N, C-alpha and C. Protein backbone atom coordinates (compact mmCIF):
# COMPACT_ATOMS: atom_id res chain seq x y z
N MET A 1 14.83 4.18 23.37
CA MET A 1 15.39 3.24 22.52
C MET A 1 14.27 2.53 21.75
N SER A 2 14.38 2.38 20.48
CA SER A 2 13.44 1.71 19.66
C SER A 2 13.71 0.13 19.46
N LEU A 3 12.65 -0.54 19.26
CA LEU A 3 12.78 -1.99 19.09
C LEU A 3 13.11 -2.21 17.59
N LEU A 4 14.12 -3.22 17.40
CA LEU A 4 14.43 -3.66 16.06
C LEU A 4 13.28 -4.55 15.59
N ARG A 5 12.69 -4.26 14.44
CA ARG A 5 11.57 -5.06 13.87
C ARG A 5 12.00 -5.66 12.63
N LEU A 6 11.93 -6.94 12.46
CA LEU A 6 12.23 -7.67 11.21
C LEU A 6 11.08 -8.16 10.55
N GLY A 7 11.10 -8.14 9.20
CA GLY A 7 10.10 -8.63 8.33
C GLY A 7 10.73 -9.42 7.22
N VAL A 8 9.79 -10.00 6.56
CA VAL A 8 10.16 -10.88 5.33
C VAL A 8 9.35 -10.55 4.15
N SER A 9 9.95 -10.53 2.99
CA SER A 9 9.30 -10.39 1.69
C SER A 9 8.52 -11.68 1.21
N LEU A 10 7.32 -11.43 0.82
CA LEU A 10 6.55 -12.56 0.34
C LEU A 10 6.66 -12.67 -1.28
N GLN A 11 7.84 -12.31 -1.82
CA GLN A 11 7.90 -12.21 -3.28
C GLN A 11 8.89 -13.12 -3.94
N PRO A 12 9.24 -14.28 -3.23
CA PRO A 12 10.16 -15.07 -4.00
C PRO A 12 9.36 -15.83 -5.08
N ARG A 13 9.95 -16.68 -5.70
CA ARG A 13 9.36 -17.46 -6.92
C ARG A 13 8.38 -18.56 -6.21
N TRP A 14 7.14 -18.12 -6.08
CA TRP A 14 6.18 -19.13 -5.58
C TRP A 14 5.58 -19.90 -6.75
N PRO A 15 5.32 -21.13 -6.53
CA PRO A 15 4.82 -21.98 -7.62
C PRO A 15 3.38 -21.50 -7.96
N ILE A 16 3.17 -21.24 -9.16
CA ILE A 16 1.80 -20.75 -9.52
C ILE A 16 0.70 -21.86 -9.30
N GLU A 17 1.09 -23.05 -9.36
CA GLU A 17 0.14 -24.16 -9.17
C GLU A 17 -0.17 -24.35 -7.68
N ASP A 18 0.48 -23.76 -6.83
CA ASP A 18 0.23 -23.77 -5.44
C ASP A 18 0.27 -22.37 -4.78
N GLY A 19 -0.69 -21.54 -5.17
CA GLY A 19 -0.81 -20.17 -4.74
C GLY A 19 -0.83 -20.02 -3.11
N THR A 20 -1.36 -21.10 -2.55
CA THR A 20 -1.48 -20.89 -1.08
C THR A 20 -0.15 -21.13 -0.34
N SER A 21 0.78 -21.50 -1.09
CA SER A 21 2.17 -21.51 -0.36
C SER A 21 2.61 -20.34 0.15
N VAL A 22 2.31 -19.15 -0.46
CA VAL A 22 2.59 -17.80 0.07
C VAL A 22 1.98 -17.64 1.41
N LEU A 23 0.64 -18.07 1.50
CA LEU A 23 -0.04 -17.96 2.91
C LEU A 23 0.64 -18.79 3.85
N ARG A 24 1.10 -20.02 3.53
CA ARG A 24 1.78 -20.87 4.51
C ARG A 24 3.17 -20.18 4.88
N ALA A 25 3.81 -19.48 4.01
CA ALA A 25 4.98 -18.86 4.38
C ALA A 25 4.66 -17.60 5.34
N ALA A 26 3.55 -16.88 5.10
CA ALA A 26 3.22 -15.87 6.02
C ALA A 26 2.97 -16.35 7.47
N VAL A 27 2.16 -17.48 7.48
CA VAL A 27 1.88 -18.07 8.82
C VAL A 27 3.16 -18.53 9.51
N HIS A 28 4.16 -19.11 8.72
CA HIS A 28 5.32 -19.52 9.32
C HIS A 28 6.13 -18.34 9.79
N ALA A 29 6.12 -17.28 9.01
CA ALA A 29 6.90 -16.03 9.50
C ALA A 29 6.24 -15.48 10.79
N GLU A 30 5.02 -15.62 10.95
CA GLU A 30 4.24 -15.15 12.10
C GLU A 30 4.75 -16.11 13.34
N GLN A 31 4.78 -17.36 13.02
CA GLN A 31 5.12 -18.37 14.06
C GLN A 31 6.57 -18.12 14.47
N LEU A 32 7.48 -17.73 13.56
CA LEU A 32 8.93 -17.51 13.95
C LEU A 32 9.05 -16.22 14.66
N GLY A 33 8.08 -15.38 14.75
CA GLY A 33 8.19 -14.09 15.52
C GLY A 33 8.51 -12.87 14.60
N PHE A 34 8.43 -12.93 13.40
CA PHE A 34 8.77 -11.78 12.55
C PHE A 34 7.65 -10.81 12.81
N ASP A 35 7.94 -9.40 12.57
CA ASP A 35 7.08 -8.42 12.87
C ASP A 35 6.09 -8.19 11.67
N HIS A 36 6.59 -8.29 10.41
CA HIS A 36 5.73 -8.01 9.28
C HIS A 36 6.09 -8.88 8.05
N VAL A 37 5.29 -8.81 7.07
CA VAL A 37 5.49 -9.35 5.79
C VAL A 37 5.36 -8.25 4.83
N ALA A 38 6.19 -8.28 3.71
CA ALA A 38 6.06 -7.22 2.80
C ALA A 38 5.73 -7.73 1.25
N VAL A 39 4.98 -7.00 0.57
CA VAL A 39 4.56 -7.35 -0.81
C VAL A 39 4.60 -6.11 -1.68
N GLY A 40 5.26 -6.28 -2.71
CA GLY A 40 5.51 -5.21 -3.64
C GLY A 40 4.32 -5.07 -4.69
N ASN A 41 4.44 -4.13 -5.66
CA ASN A 41 3.40 -3.82 -6.63
C ASN A 41 3.82 -3.89 -8.02
N ARG A 42 3.58 -4.97 -8.68
CA ARG A 42 3.83 -5.06 -10.11
C ARG A 42 2.64 -5.47 -10.77
N LEU A 43 2.41 -4.90 -11.95
CA LEU A 43 1.21 -5.18 -12.74
C LEU A 43 1.50 -6.07 -13.88
N LEU A 44 2.64 -5.97 -14.47
CA LEU A 44 3.12 -6.90 -15.59
C LEU A 44 4.12 -7.88 -15.03
N ASP A 45 4.33 -8.89 -15.73
CA ASP A 45 5.27 -9.92 -15.43
C ASP A 45 6.66 -9.39 -15.34
N SER A 46 7.21 -9.63 -14.14
CA SER A 46 8.63 -9.01 -13.95
C SER A 46 9.67 -10.23 -14.24
N GLY A 47 9.09 -11.48 -14.25
CA GLY A 47 10.11 -12.48 -14.35
C GLY A 47 10.72 -12.94 -13.07
N PHE A 48 10.18 -12.42 -11.94
CA PHE A 48 10.78 -12.71 -10.59
C PHE A 48 9.77 -13.56 -9.79
N GLY A 49 8.76 -14.08 -10.39
CA GLY A 49 7.85 -14.89 -9.59
C GLY A 49 6.41 -14.26 -9.66
N LEU A 50 5.56 -14.63 -8.75
CA LEU A 50 4.16 -14.00 -8.79
C LEU A 50 4.18 -12.57 -8.57
N ASP A 51 3.68 -11.86 -9.46
CA ASP A 51 3.46 -10.36 -9.46
C ASP A 51 2.05 -10.05 -9.06
N THR A 52 1.77 -10.06 -7.84
CA THR A 52 0.44 -9.89 -7.42
C THR A 52 0.00 -8.54 -6.89
N ASP A 53 -1.22 -8.20 -6.77
CA ASP A 53 -1.48 -6.91 -6.24
C ASP A 53 -1.31 -7.01 -4.73
N PRO A 54 -0.66 -6.05 -4.18
CA PRO A 54 -0.30 -6.21 -2.68
C PRO A 54 -1.52 -6.06 -1.78
N LEU A 55 -2.45 -5.29 -2.17
CA LEU A 55 -3.65 -5.19 -1.25
C LEU A 55 -4.46 -6.52 -1.27
N VAL A 56 -4.56 -7.04 -2.40
CA VAL A 56 -5.28 -8.37 -2.48
C VAL A 56 -4.64 -9.49 -1.79
N LEU A 57 -3.29 -9.68 -2.06
CA LEU A 57 -2.55 -10.62 -1.35
C LEU A 57 -2.50 -10.45 0.16
N LEU A 58 -2.28 -9.24 0.49
CA LEU A 58 -2.24 -8.90 2.05
C LEU A 58 -3.55 -9.10 2.69
N SER A 59 -4.58 -9.03 2.03
CA SER A 59 -5.97 -9.30 2.52
C SER A 59 -6.05 -10.85 2.90
N ALA A 60 -5.55 -11.66 1.96
CA ALA A 60 -5.55 -13.09 2.20
C ALA A 60 -4.62 -13.37 3.40
N VAL A 61 -3.44 -12.68 3.47
CA VAL A 61 -2.53 -12.90 4.61
C VAL A 61 -3.10 -12.52 5.91
N ALA A 62 -3.94 -11.40 5.88
CA ALA A 62 -4.61 -10.95 7.17
C ALA A 62 -5.61 -12.09 7.66
N GLY A 63 -6.26 -12.78 6.74
CA GLY A 63 -7.16 -13.85 7.15
C GLY A 63 -6.48 -15.06 7.59
N ALA A 64 -5.22 -15.25 7.27
CA ALA A 64 -4.45 -16.42 7.64
C ALA A 64 -3.66 -16.21 8.88
N THR A 65 -3.38 -14.90 9.30
CA THR A 65 -2.61 -14.64 10.41
C THR A 65 -3.36 -13.81 11.52
N THR A 66 -2.76 -13.57 12.72
CA THR A 66 -3.45 -12.85 13.70
C THR A 66 -2.63 -11.60 14.13
N ARG A 67 -1.34 -11.58 14.08
CA ARG A 67 -0.47 -10.62 14.66
C ARG A 67 0.38 -9.96 13.61
N LEU A 68 0.77 -10.56 12.51
CA LEU A 68 1.75 -10.04 11.60
C LEU A 68 1.28 -8.83 11.01
N ARG A 69 2.14 -7.76 11.03
CA ARG A 69 1.82 -6.54 10.22
C ARG A 69 1.88 -6.80 8.85
N LEU A 70 1.16 -5.97 7.95
CA LEU A 70 1.04 -6.23 6.49
C LEU A 70 1.57 -4.91 5.90
N LEU A 71 2.69 -5.10 5.10
CA LEU A 71 3.39 -3.92 4.54
C LEU A 71 3.32 -4.00 3.04
N THR A 72 2.78 -2.98 2.28
CA THR A 72 2.93 -2.93 0.86
C THR A 72 4.34 -2.25 0.68
N SER A 73 5.13 -2.90 -0.12
CA SER A 73 6.52 -2.48 -0.19
C SER A 73 6.96 -2.48 -1.67
N VAL A 74 6.63 -1.54 -2.48
CA VAL A 74 5.84 -0.45 -2.20
C VAL A 74 4.68 -0.50 -3.17
N LEU A 75 3.64 0.08 -2.77
CA LEU A 75 2.47 0.23 -3.63
C LEU A 75 2.64 1.55 -4.46
N VAL A 76 2.48 1.37 -5.82
CA VAL A 76 2.67 2.45 -6.67
C VAL A 76 1.38 3.26 -6.67
N ALA A 77 1.38 4.32 -5.98
CA ALA A 77 0.10 5.19 -5.85
C ALA A 77 -0.46 5.60 -7.15
N PRO A 78 0.29 6.09 -8.17
CA PRO A 78 -0.36 6.71 -9.31
C PRO A 78 -1.11 5.55 -10.08
N TYR A 79 -0.94 4.28 -9.76
CA TYR A 79 -1.74 3.26 -10.51
C TYR A 79 -3.22 3.26 -10.06
N TYR A 80 -3.44 3.79 -8.86
CA TYR A 80 -4.80 3.74 -8.22
C TYR A 80 -5.35 5.11 -8.19
N PRO A 81 -6.66 5.25 -8.62
CA PRO A 81 -7.28 6.53 -8.28
C PRO A 81 -7.45 6.76 -6.76
N ALA A 82 -7.30 8.06 -6.38
CA ALA A 82 -7.18 8.34 -4.95
C ALA A 82 -8.33 7.73 -4.08
N LEU A 83 -9.43 7.76 -4.49
CA LEU A 83 -10.62 7.28 -3.78
C LEU A 83 -10.47 5.77 -3.61
N VAL A 84 -10.12 5.04 -4.70
CA VAL A 84 -10.04 3.74 -4.73
C VAL A 84 -8.88 3.28 -3.71
N LEU A 85 -7.72 4.06 -3.86
CA LEU A 85 -6.68 3.67 -2.93
C LEU A 85 -7.04 3.88 -1.40
N ALA A 86 -7.63 5.09 -1.13
CA ALA A 86 -8.09 5.30 0.29
C ALA A 86 -9.02 4.17 0.72
N ASN A 87 -9.97 3.87 -0.14
CA ASN A 87 -10.97 2.87 0.30
C ASN A 87 -10.29 1.45 0.51
N GLN A 88 -9.56 1.06 -0.50
CA GLN A 88 -8.93 -0.26 -0.30
C GLN A 88 -8.06 -0.35 0.84
N ALA A 89 -7.28 0.64 1.11
CA ALA A 89 -6.41 0.70 2.29
C ALA A 89 -7.22 0.63 3.59
N ALA A 90 -8.25 1.48 3.54
CA ALA A 90 -9.07 1.46 4.86
C ALA A 90 -9.76 0.13 5.09
N THR A 91 -10.19 -0.50 3.98
CA THR A 91 -10.77 -1.84 4.04
C THR A 91 -9.76 -2.91 4.65
N LEU A 92 -8.56 -2.90 4.02
CA LEU A 92 -7.55 -3.85 4.57
C LEU A 92 -7.19 -3.46 6.04
N ASP A 93 -7.18 -2.17 6.35
CA ASP A 93 -6.96 -1.70 7.87
C ASP A 93 -8.05 -2.35 8.68
N VAL A 94 -9.27 -2.31 8.24
CA VAL A 94 -10.39 -2.85 9.04
C VAL A 94 -10.31 -4.39 9.17
N VAL A 95 -10.17 -5.08 8.01
CA VAL A 95 -10.27 -6.52 8.10
C VAL A 95 -9.02 -7.18 8.78
N SER A 96 -7.91 -6.43 8.81
CA SER A 96 -6.68 -6.84 9.51
C SER A 96 -6.65 -6.43 10.98
N GLY A 97 -7.64 -5.69 11.48
CA GLY A 97 -7.61 -5.17 12.79
C GLY A 97 -6.51 -4.13 12.96
N GLY A 98 -6.16 -3.33 11.90
CA GLY A 98 -5.27 -2.26 12.09
C GLY A 98 -3.85 -2.65 11.87
N ARG A 99 -3.58 -3.69 11.08
CA ARG A 99 -2.22 -4.23 10.96
C ARG A 99 -1.53 -3.79 9.72
N LEU A 100 -2.24 -2.88 8.80
CA LEU A 100 -1.69 -2.50 7.51
C LEU A 100 -0.72 -1.28 7.79
N ILE A 101 0.49 -1.37 7.10
CA ILE A 101 1.33 -0.39 6.86
C ILE A 101 1.34 -0.15 5.38
N LEU A 102 1.03 1.11 5.02
CA LEU A 102 0.95 1.35 3.60
C LEU A 102 2.29 2.00 3.10
N GLY A 103 3.08 1.19 2.58
CA GLY A 103 4.33 1.61 1.93
C GLY A 103 4.01 2.12 0.50
N ILE A 104 4.35 3.35 0.27
CA ILE A 104 3.88 4.06 -0.99
C ILE A 104 5.20 4.55 -1.73
N GLY A 105 5.03 4.46 -3.10
CA GLY A 105 6.11 5.05 -3.97
C GLY A 105 5.46 5.57 -5.27
N THR A 106 6.35 6.19 -6.05
CA THR A 106 5.80 6.76 -7.34
C THR A 106 5.89 5.81 -8.44
N GLY A 107 6.70 4.69 -8.35
CA GLY A 107 6.87 3.81 -9.38
C GLY A 107 7.89 4.16 -10.36
N TRP A 108 8.31 3.25 -11.28
CA TRP A 108 9.28 3.54 -12.17
C TRP A 108 9.21 2.87 -13.59
N ASN A 109 8.36 1.80 -13.75
CA ASN A 109 8.23 1.05 -14.84
C ASN A 109 7.39 1.74 -15.97
N PRO A 110 8.05 2.17 -17.03
CA PRO A 110 7.27 2.87 -18.10
C PRO A 110 6.21 2.07 -18.76
N ASP A 111 6.49 0.80 -18.84
CA ASP A 111 5.56 -0.13 -19.54
C ASP A 111 4.28 -0.18 -18.63
N GLU A 112 4.42 -0.32 -17.32
CA GLU A 112 3.17 -0.37 -16.54
C GLU A 112 2.44 1.02 -16.56
N PHE A 113 3.06 2.15 -16.48
CA PHE A 113 2.46 3.35 -16.65
C PHE A 113 1.67 3.40 -17.91
N GLU A 114 2.25 3.09 -19.03
CA GLU A 114 1.50 3.05 -20.29
C GLU A 114 0.31 2.17 -20.23
N ALA A 115 0.51 0.97 -19.61
CA ALA A 115 -0.56 0.06 -19.58
C ALA A 115 -1.78 0.44 -18.81
N VAL A 116 -1.56 1.36 -17.84
CA VAL A 116 -2.70 1.82 -17.01
C VAL A 116 -3.12 3.25 -17.47
N GLY A 117 -2.45 3.74 -18.46
CA GLY A 117 -2.86 5.01 -18.98
C GLY A 117 -2.51 6.23 -18.21
N VAL A 118 -1.46 6.09 -17.44
CA VAL A 118 -1.01 7.20 -16.59
C VAL A 118 0.39 7.70 -17.12
N PRO A 119 0.48 8.92 -17.51
CA PRO A 119 1.69 9.43 -17.89
C PRO A 119 2.72 9.45 -16.74
N SER A 120 3.97 8.83 -17.17
CA SER A 120 4.89 8.62 -16.03
C SER A 120 5.47 9.89 -15.52
N ARG A 121 5.43 10.95 -16.34
CA ARG A 121 5.94 12.29 -15.96
C ARG A 121 4.99 12.91 -14.84
N GLU A 122 3.78 12.32 -14.67
CA GLU A 122 2.94 12.81 -13.55
C GLU A 122 2.95 12.03 -12.38
N ARG A 123 3.87 11.04 -12.26
CA ARG A 123 3.76 10.12 -11.13
C ARG A 123 4.01 10.60 -9.87
N GLY A 124 4.90 11.69 -9.69
CA GLY A 124 5.21 12.35 -8.43
C GLY A 124 3.98 13.20 -7.98
N ALA A 125 3.51 14.00 -8.88
CA ALA A 125 2.31 14.94 -8.63
C ALA A 125 1.04 14.03 -8.24
N ARG A 126 0.86 12.86 -9.04
CA ARG A 126 -0.22 12.01 -8.63
C ARG A 126 -0.04 11.35 -7.27
N THR A 127 1.20 11.00 -6.98
CA THR A 127 1.34 10.38 -5.64
C THR A 127 1.00 11.45 -4.53
N ASP A 128 1.45 12.55 -4.56
CA ASP A 128 1.27 13.58 -3.63
C ASP A 128 -0.28 13.86 -3.56
N ASP A 129 -0.84 14.02 -4.74
CA ASP A 129 -2.39 14.27 -4.75
C ASP A 129 -3.13 13.14 -4.08
N HIS A 130 -2.76 11.86 -4.35
CA HIS A 130 -3.48 10.66 -3.90
C HIS A 130 -3.23 10.57 -2.34
N LEU A 131 -2.05 10.86 -1.89
CA LEU A 131 -1.74 10.79 -0.51
C LEU A 131 -2.53 11.86 0.30
N ALA A 132 -2.58 12.99 -0.22
CA ALA A 132 -3.29 14.08 0.47
C ALA A 132 -4.82 13.80 0.55
N ALA A 133 -5.33 13.24 -0.66
CA ALA A 133 -6.77 12.95 -0.67
C ALA A 133 -7.11 11.81 0.28
N ALA A 134 -6.17 10.79 0.33
CA ALA A 134 -6.46 9.62 1.17
C ALA A 134 -6.48 10.06 2.72
N ARG A 135 -5.44 10.92 3.11
CA ARG A 135 -5.45 11.39 4.46
C ARG A 135 -6.73 12.16 4.70
N ALA A 136 -7.17 13.00 3.85
CA ALA A 136 -8.41 13.71 4.07
C ALA A 136 -9.58 12.76 4.29
N LEU A 137 -9.65 11.77 3.44
CA LEU A 137 -10.77 10.70 3.49
C LEU A 137 -10.72 9.94 4.75
N TRP A 138 -9.56 9.66 5.23
CA TRP A 138 -9.27 8.87 6.55
C TRP A 138 -9.62 9.74 7.69
N THR A 139 -9.60 10.98 7.63
CA THR A 139 -9.72 11.74 8.90
C THR A 139 -10.90 12.74 9.00
N THR A 140 -11.58 12.99 7.90
CA THR A 140 -12.70 13.98 7.84
C THR A 140 -13.86 13.41 7.16
N GLN A 141 -14.98 13.57 7.69
CA GLN A 141 -16.26 13.26 7.02
C GLN A 141 -17.25 14.33 7.22
N PRO A 142 -17.83 14.91 6.23
CA PRO A 142 -17.58 14.62 4.81
C PRO A 142 -16.25 15.32 4.32
N VAL A 143 -15.83 14.99 3.14
CA VAL A 143 -14.57 15.60 2.71
C VAL A 143 -14.86 16.43 1.45
N ASP A 144 -14.27 17.59 1.41
CA ASP A 144 -14.23 18.45 0.21
C ASP A 144 -12.70 18.51 -0.08
N PHE A 145 -12.34 18.16 -1.19
CA PHE A 145 -10.86 17.97 -1.57
C PHE A 145 -10.73 18.49 -3.06
N GLU A 146 -9.86 19.40 -3.26
CA GLU A 146 -9.59 19.83 -4.64
C GLU A 146 -8.02 19.61 -4.82
N GLY A 147 -7.60 18.63 -5.61
CA GLY A 147 -6.30 18.37 -5.98
C GLY A 147 -6.07 18.55 -7.38
N GLN A 148 -4.96 18.32 -7.94
CA GLN A 148 -4.61 18.36 -9.28
C GLN A 148 -5.32 17.35 -10.07
N PHE A 149 -5.47 16.05 -9.48
CA PHE A 149 -6.07 14.90 -10.10
C PHE A 149 -7.34 14.42 -9.47
N THR A 150 -7.56 14.83 -8.24
CA THR A 150 -8.73 14.33 -7.40
C THR A 150 -9.54 15.55 -7.06
N LYS A 151 -10.83 15.38 -7.15
CA LYS A 151 -11.85 16.44 -6.72
C LYS A 151 -12.97 15.65 -6.01
N LEU A 152 -13.22 15.98 -4.76
CA LEU A 152 -14.25 15.35 -3.97
C LEU A 152 -15.08 16.45 -3.38
N ARG A 153 -16.39 16.22 -3.36
CA ARG A 153 -17.37 17.09 -2.88
C ARG A 153 -18.34 16.39 -1.78
N ALA A 154 -18.23 16.81 -0.58
CA ALA A 154 -19.07 16.23 0.45
C ALA A 154 -18.99 14.59 0.45
N ALA A 155 -17.72 14.10 0.33
CA ALA A 155 -17.53 12.69 0.09
C ALA A 155 -17.43 11.95 1.54
N HIS A 156 -18.01 10.83 1.63
CA HIS A 156 -17.86 10.02 2.76
C HIS A 156 -17.32 8.66 2.29
N LEU A 157 -16.21 8.35 2.87
CA LEU A 157 -15.38 7.11 2.55
C LEU A 157 -16.34 5.97 2.90
N GLY A 158 -16.41 4.94 2.09
CA GLY A 158 -17.22 3.74 2.30
C GLY A 158 -17.00 3.00 3.55
N VAL A 159 -15.69 3.03 3.90
CA VAL A 159 -15.26 2.38 5.20
C VAL A 159 -14.29 3.20 5.86
N PRO A 160 -14.50 3.58 7.03
CA PRO A 160 -13.41 4.39 7.84
C PRO A 160 -12.39 3.32 8.32
N PRO A 161 -11.15 3.75 8.36
CA PRO A 161 -10.12 2.78 8.83
C PRO A 161 -10.22 2.73 10.36
N VAL A 162 -9.74 1.62 10.87
CA VAL A 162 -9.82 1.43 12.32
C VAL A 162 -8.64 2.15 12.98
N THR A 163 -7.57 2.35 12.23
CA THR A 163 -6.39 3.08 12.74
C THR A 163 -6.73 4.59 12.68
N ARG A 164 -6.63 5.17 13.71
CA ARG A 164 -6.92 6.61 13.75
C ARG A 164 -5.98 7.39 12.82
N GLY A 165 -6.61 8.23 11.89
CA GLY A 165 -5.84 8.91 10.87
C GLY A 165 -5.52 8.10 9.68
N GLY A 166 -5.83 6.80 9.67
CA GLY A 166 -5.54 5.88 8.64
C GLY A 166 -4.30 5.17 8.89
N PRO A 167 -4.04 4.08 8.06
CA PRO A 167 -2.90 3.26 8.30
C PRO A 167 -1.60 4.05 8.18
N PRO A 168 -0.51 3.71 8.93
CA PRO A 168 0.73 4.43 8.81
C PRO A 168 1.22 4.37 7.39
N VAL A 169 1.75 5.47 6.92
CA VAL A 169 2.31 5.49 5.53
C VAL A 169 3.84 5.51 5.54
N TRP A 170 4.49 4.61 4.94
CA TRP A 170 5.94 4.64 4.78
C TRP A 170 6.16 5.07 3.40
N VAL A 171 7.08 6.05 3.18
CA VAL A 171 7.26 6.58 1.68
C VAL A 171 8.59 5.97 1.25
N GLY A 172 8.64 5.34 0.10
CA GLY A 172 9.76 4.79 -0.50
C GLY A 172 10.23 5.74 -1.66
N GLY A 173 11.53 5.66 -1.89
CA GLY A 173 12.16 6.42 -2.92
C GLY A 173 13.61 6.84 -2.63
N HIS A 174 14.26 7.42 -3.60
CA HIS A 174 15.71 7.79 -3.33
C HIS A 174 15.94 9.05 -4.14
N SER A 175 15.02 10.05 -3.99
CA SER A 175 15.17 11.38 -4.65
C SER A 175 14.95 12.45 -3.65
N ASP A 176 15.25 13.60 -3.92
CA ASP A 176 14.83 14.78 -3.11
C ASP A 176 13.31 14.85 -3.03
N ALA A 177 12.61 14.67 -3.96
CA ALA A 177 11.07 14.64 -3.94
C ALA A 177 10.54 13.57 -3.09
N ALA A 178 11.15 12.38 -3.01
CA ALA A 178 10.70 11.28 -2.21
C ALA A 178 10.95 11.77 -0.74
N LEU A 179 12.10 12.37 -0.37
CA LEU A 179 12.38 12.85 0.95
C LEU A 179 11.30 13.87 1.33
N ARG A 180 10.96 14.85 0.42
CA ARG A 180 9.98 15.85 0.75
C ARG A 180 8.59 15.19 1.01
N ARG A 181 8.28 14.15 0.20
CA ARG A 181 6.97 13.48 0.37
C ARG A 181 6.91 12.76 1.70
N ALA A 182 8.05 12.07 2.00
CA ALA A 182 8.16 11.39 3.26
C ALA A 182 7.94 12.41 4.56
N LEU A 183 8.51 13.63 4.43
CA LEU A 183 8.35 14.59 5.40
C LEU A 183 6.80 15.06 5.50
N ARG A 184 6.31 15.17 4.39
CA ARG A 184 4.93 15.74 4.27
C ARG A 184 3.83 14.61 4.63
N PHE A 185 4.02 13.44 4.13
CA PHE A 185 2.90 12.43 4.27
C PHE A 185 3.32 11.26 5.18
N GLY A 186 4.57 10.96 5.39
CA GLY A 186 5.01 9.77 5.85
C GLY A 186 5.02 9.66 7.39
N ASP A 187 4.87 8.34 7.84
CA ASP A 187 5.06 8.07 9.23
C ASP A 187 6.23 7.19 9.43
N GLY A 188 7.01 6.92 8.30
CA GLY A 188 8.22 6.14 8.39
C GLY A 188 8.92 6.02 7.13
């Protein structure tokens, strides 16, 4: 029998003039016994409050809390080069003592894809490529990897994750491709 775990989103309309209010909310969630906090990934203003980078915000949350799991919900993998994604996730895994859960998705917003110079038609293939490269970087040193978008030769990741095999990956989505991705790369 599995335990029911509850988390809270840190994405309501936080006042921009008091950015630390989100950290106080995370500390309060930890004090109330929640398992995790979740932060999504938006690059452009959504009109729904602070649209922060989830890895940056969760790094601050890691420093303000001691037990709370840190969930990207969801990080849009194609926005990040594979090596950058693997390194940033491993860094957050290290500084949080292994509390990161990497929620990954392909994204959907055409304006954001255009702004980062990634063709939206490549989002699924890039997500698969980036997840495969990250897994290789988290588990093997040195890494030789040849993907559609990522090529690594004798690469050593700058910081190995403290979680064996890298942070758990939760795959988000509602398509057959997302289900296949979850089966291939996901831990949840």
